[in-house]
Protein backbone atom coordinates (compact mmCIF):
# COMPACT_ATOMS: atom_id res chain seq x y z
CA UNK A 1 -2.69 -34.17 3.92
CA UNK A 2 -2.86 -30.26 4.06
CA UNK A 3 -4.12 -27.69 1.62
CA UNK A 4 -0.89 -25.76 0.63
CA UNK A 5 -0.70 -23.49 -2.24
CA UNK A 6 2.30 -21.54 -3.31
CA UNK A 7 2.08 -18.46 -5.58
CA UNK A 8 5.16 -17.20 -7.40
CA UNK A 9 4.89 -13.64 -8.84
CA UNK A 10 6.82 -13.03 -12.00
CA UNK A 11 7.46 -9.83 -14.18
CA UNK A 12 6.08 -11.14 -17.53
CA UNK A 13 4.66 -14.27 -19.27
CA UNK A 14 7.91 -15.51 -20.97
CA UNK A 15 9.28 -15.48 -17.51
CA UNK A 16 6.60 -17.29 -16.01
CA UNK A 17 6.61 -19.87 -18.60
CA UNK A 18 10.35 -20.29 -18.33
CA UNK A 19 10.06 -20.95 -14.44
CA UNK A 20 7.15 -23.42 -14.89
CA UNK A 21 9.51 -25.49 -16.94
CA UNK A 22 12.30 -25.26 -14.48
CA UNK A 23 9.86 -26.11 -11.70
CA UNK A 24 8.80 -29.33 -13.40
CA UNK A 25 12.46 -30.22 -13.69
CA UNK A 26 13.41 -29.37 -10.24
CA UNK A 27 10.51 -30.33 -8.00
CA UNK A 28 8.21 -33.32 -7.68
CA UNK A 29 4.88 -31.38 -8.82
CA UNK A 30 1.72 -33.27 -8.22
CA UNK A 31 0.28 -31.26 -11.30
CA UNK A 32 1.37 -28.76 -13.87
CA UNK A 33 1.60 -25.03 -12.41
CA UNK A 34 -1.33 -22.87 -13.20
CA UNK A 35 -0.11 -19.58 -15.06
CA UNK A 36 -2.36 -16.65 -14.43
CA UNK A 37 -2.11 -13.16 -15.70
CA UNK A 38 -2.42 -10.58 -12.70
CA UNK A 39 -3.14 -7.10 -14.11
CA UNK A 40 -2.25 -4.34 -11.65
CA UNK A 41 -5.03 -2.35 -10.24
CA UNK A 42 -6.52 0.00 -12.66
CA UNK A 43 -4.37 -0.96 -15.59
CA UNK A 44 -5.66 -2.33 -18.74
CA UNK A 45 -2.46 -2.71 -20.54
CA UNK A 46 -0.86 -6.22 -20.71
CA UNK A 47 2.45 -4.45 -20.24
CA UNK A 48 1.40 -3.70 -16.72
CA UNK A 49 0.65 -7.28 -15.86
CA UNK A 50 2.44 -9.52 -13.48
CA UNK A 51 2.15 -13.30 -13.93
CA UNK A 52 1.39 -15.78 -11.32
CA UNK A 53 2.43 -19.53 -11.18
CA UNK A 54 0.12 -21.12 -8.79
CA UNK A 55 1.53 -24.51 -7.42
CA UNK A 56 -0.69 -26.94 -5.62
CA UNK A 57 1.23 -28.90 -2.80
CA UNK A 58 -1.23 -30.89 -1.10
CA UNK A 59 1.39 -32.88 0.69
CA UNK A 60 3.56 -29.87 1.54
CA UNK A 61 6.49 -31.26 0.12
CA UNK A 62 7.81 -28.13 -1.72
CA UNK A 63 10.46 -25.89 0.22
CA UNK A 64 9.21 -22.46 0.14
CA UNK A 65 12.83 -21.03 0.52
CA UNK A 66 13.77 -23.03 -2.61
CA UNK A 67 10.67 -21.52 -4.54
CA UNK A 68 11.42 -18.11 -3.37
CA UNK A 69 15.21 -18.43 -4.51
CA UNK A 70 14.04 -19.70 -7.98
CA UNK A 71 11.44 -16.68 -8.33
CA UNK A 72 14.19 -14.16 -7.21
CA UNK A 73 16.69 -15.58 -9.71
CA UNK A 74 13.95 -14.48 -12.41
CA UNK A 75 13.18 -10.92 -10.84
CA UNK A 76 10.12 -12.47 -8.91
CA UNK A 77 9.00 -13.62 -5.33
CA UNK A 78 7.00 -16.19 -3.66
CA UNK A 79 3.93 -14.65 -2.16
CA UNK A 80 3.56 -15.31 1.47
């Protein structure tokens, strides 16, 4: 097994929560995605935060292209 982690960057918490639900329905996730607030450098305002979905993929079974497409459908991207 390898240590693979995918990070989806999304524009806000509501979108991140919605994508987390979609991920659980579409992909065989070994555990629930971790939702993390990522404040932009120097910004304290929650409006200036992106949200990250961190997916552990120890068996490297998730398709990065499919994850990137899902994130893009919600104004986000897969961090490379």
